Protein backbone atom coordinates (compact mmCIF):
# COMPACT_ATOMS: atom_id res chain seq x y z
CA MET A 1 -0.22 -0.16 -0.01
CA ASP A 2 1.21 3.18 -1.40
CA VAL A 3 0.18 6.23 1.36
CA VAL A 4 0.63 9.54 -0.13
CA LEU A 5 -0.50 13.16 1.33
CA ARG A 6 -1.12 15.79 -1.24
CA ASP A 7 -3.12 19.27 -0.80
CA VAL A 8 -6.81 19.02 -1.14
CA HIS A 9 -8.51 19.44 -4.62
CA ASP A 10 -12.30 20.43 -4.80
CA SER A 11 -12.80 16.70 -6.29
CA ASP A 12 -11.81 15.29 -2.98
CA LEU A 13 -14.59 17.34 -0.77
CA PRO A 14 -17.85 14.61 -2.48
CA VAL A 15 -15.37 11.91 -0.91
CA PHE A 16 -14.92 13.54 2.28
CA PHE A 17 -18.41 14.26 2.77
CA ARG A 18 -19.77 10.49 1.90
CA GLN A 19 -16.68 9.40 4.70
CA MET A 20 -18.25 11.90 7.04
CA ASN A 21 -21.63 10.27 7.11
CA ASP A 22 -20.50 6.73 7.91
CA PRO A 23 -22.88 6.10 10.90
CA GLU A 24 -19.98 3.87 12.35
CA ALA A 25 -17.31 6.04 11.60
CA LEU A 26 -19.24 9.02 13.17
CA TRP A 27 -19.96 7.28 16.45
CA THR A 28 -16.58 6.41 16.85
CA ALA A 29 -14.74 9.59 16.02
CA ALA A 30 -17.65 11.04 18.36
CA PHE A 31 -16.68 14.89 18.16
CA THR A 32 -18.30 15.62 14.60
CA PRO A 33 -20.36 18.30 13.32
CA LYS A 34 -23.89 18.94 14.76
CA ASP A 35 -25.44 17.16 11.39
CA PRO A 36 -22.93 15.93 9.54
CA ALA A 37 -25.41 15.51 6.56
CA ASP A 38 -25.76 19.42 5.98
CA ARG A 39 -23.87 19.77 2.89
CA GLU A 40 -23.93 23.67 3.17
CA ALA A 41 -22.45 23.64 6.48
CA PHE A 42 -19.75 21.04 5.01
CA ASP A 43 -18.82 23.26 2.01
CA ALA A 44 -18.88 26.67 4.59
CA HIS A 45 -16.38 24.84 6.74
CA TRP A 46 -14.29 23.46 3.90
CA LYS A 47 -14.37 26.78 2.55
CA ARG A 48 -12.99 28.72 5.50
CA VAL A 49 -10.28 26.05 6.60
CA ARG A 50 -9.09 26.19 2.80
CA ALA A 51 -8.44 29.89 3.31
CA SER A 52 -6.59 29.61 6.34
CA ALA A 53 -3.23 28.97 7.23
CA ASP A 54 -4.11 25.34 8.52
CA VAL A 55 -2.10 22.26 6.87
CA LEU A 56 -4.88 20.59 5.01
CA ARG A 57 -4.06 17.40 3.08
CA THR A 58 -5.75 14.70 1.32
CA ILE A 59 -4.76 10.97 2.05
CA LEU A 60 -4.18 8.62 -0.94
CA VAL A 61 -3.57 4.82 -0.88
CA ASP A 62 -2.40 3.66 -4.18
CA GLY A 63 -3.76 6.76 -5.78
CA ASP A 64 -7.52 6.84 -4.22
CA VAL A 65 -8.80 9.34 -1.76
CA VAL A 66 -9.24 7.92 1.18
CA GLY A 67 -9.42 10.55 3.95
CA SER A 68 -7.89 13.75 5.05
CA ALA A 69 -5.24 15.02 7.79
CA ALA A 70 -4.59 18.51 9.22
CA VAL A 71 -2.77 20.55 11.54
CA TYR A 72 -5.02 23.55 12.66
CA GLY A 73 -5.04 26.21 15.56
CA GLU A 74 -3.16 28.79 16.90
CA PRO A 75 0.59 28.66 17.72
CA GLY A 76 1.53 26.95 20.53
CA GLU A 77 -1.97 25.18 20.87
CA ARG A 78 -1.93 23.57 17.62
CA GLU A 79 -3.83 20.04 17.00
CA VAL A 80 -3.62 17.33 14.50
CA THR A 81 -6.90 15.57 13.23
CA TYR A 82 -7.17 13.06 10.54
CA TRP A 83 -10.14 10.84 9.03
CA VAL A 84 -9.54 7.80 7.43
CA ASP A 85 -12.54 6.05 5.32
CA ARG A 86 -13.39 2.70 7.59
CA ALA A 87 -12.70 0.62 4.86
CA TYR A 88 -9.18 1.04 5.69
CA TRP A 89 -9.10 1.19 9.70
CA GLY A 90 -6.64 -1.31 10.79
CA ARG A 91 -4.28 -1.29 8.03
CA GLY A 92 -1.84 1.18 9.02
CA VAL A 93 -3.10 4.41 6.85
CA ALA A 94 -3.90 6.68 9.59
CA THR A 95 -0.54 6.07 11.01
CA ALA A 96 1.35 6.32 7.61
CA ALA A 97 -0.71 9.60 7.02
CA LEU A 98 0.06 11.08 10.50
CA ARG A 99 3.76 10.44 10.26
CA GLY A 100 3.74 11.98 6.84
CA LEU A 101 1.63 15.21 8.30
CA LEU A 102 4.15 15.57 11.20
CA ALA A 103 7.03 15.46 9.22
CA GLU A 104 5.92 18.34 7.14
CA VAL A 105 4.98 20.43 10.39
CA PRO A 106 7.91 20.46 12.52
CA GLU A 107 6.76 22.77 15.07
CA ARG A 108 5.91 21.41 18.63
CA PRO A 109 4.34 20.76 20.81
CA LEU A 110 1.26 19.70 18.84
CA TYR A 111 -1.84 18.42 20.48
CA ALA A 112 -4.62 15.93 19.94
CA ARG A 113 -7.65 14.86 21.26
CA ALA A 114 -9.72 11.60 20.93
CA ALA A 115 -12.77 10.01 22.55
CA ALA A 116 -11.30 8.01 25.60
CA ASP A 117 -12.98 4.81 23.98
CA ASN A 118 -11.48 5.15 20.65
CA THR A 119 -8.42 2.63 20.98
CA GLY A 120 -7.74 2.91 17.51
CA SER A 121 -7.27 6.61 17.37
CA ARG A 122 -5.34 6.78 20.66
CA ARG A 123 -3.03 3.71 19.07
CA VAL A 124 -2.15 5.95 16.10
CA LEU A 125 -1.38 8.66 18.26
CA GLU A 126 0.83 6.84 20.36
CA LYS A 127 2.78 5.02 17.50
CA CYS A 128 3.60 8.63 16.23
CA GLY A 129 5.00 9.68 19.47
CA PHE A 130 2.00 11.20 21.16
CA ARG A 131 1.44 11.14 24.61
CA LEU A 132 -1.49 11.33 27.32
CA THR A 133 -1.40 14.48 29.06
CA SER A 134 -4.88 15.00 30.13
CA THR A 135 -8.47 13.93 30.38
CA ALA A 136 -11.36 15.80 29.83
CA THR A 137 -15.49 15.58 28.94
CA GLY A 138 -16.67 16.97 26.08
CA PHE A 139 -20.19 16.96 24.24
CA ALA A 140 -19.97 14.39 21.59
CA ASN A 141 -22.36 15.42 18.64
CA ALA A 142 -22.54 11.80 17.32
CA ARG A 143 -23.34 10.13 20.57
CA GLY A 144 -25.68 13.16 21.55
CA GLU A 145 -24.14 13.24 25.40
CA GLU A 146 -21.06 14.00 27.21
CA ILE A 147 -18.13 11.64 27.05
CA ASP A 148 -14.45 11.23 28.23
CA GLU A 149 -11.73 12.81 25.88
CA VAL A 150 -7.84 12.09 26.05
CA VAL A 151 -5.79 15.04 25.37
CA MET A 152 -2.48 13.78 24.04
CA THR A 153 0.70 15.86 23.39
CA LEU A 154 3.83 15.72 20.98
CA ARG A 155 6.76 17.44 22.52
CA GLY A 156 9.83 18.24 20.45
């Protein structure tokens, strides 16, 4: 499997929208938009982030769009995020993509958040050098309730 990151193209957005509407992926990610099926809100979000200084990448596997990865936020508080199509879970794609993103963005520290029960995402973050630094609770739109989350940090 050849995992590559590239800039986000307009043609990627319909794929991202479809991926963001997978019920199992939404539940697992937990912290999602209020209404992932709202295409207008989705388009407005992507227009805003693509105009920002955030680092946004499309994840390709063997040339196919399988997700996205990003570093966003204010300096000193920047976070990583990624979304990989469920068909590619457990195959090392998220880990390879995050490693590639971290190589592009040398600033540290970087932070990440995940639902405490999202063991797959926690494992990806740990493989990439992130360490648990705190816990919190937050409202998870995809679950309709407050849940526990982990905050992880990647230091120099």
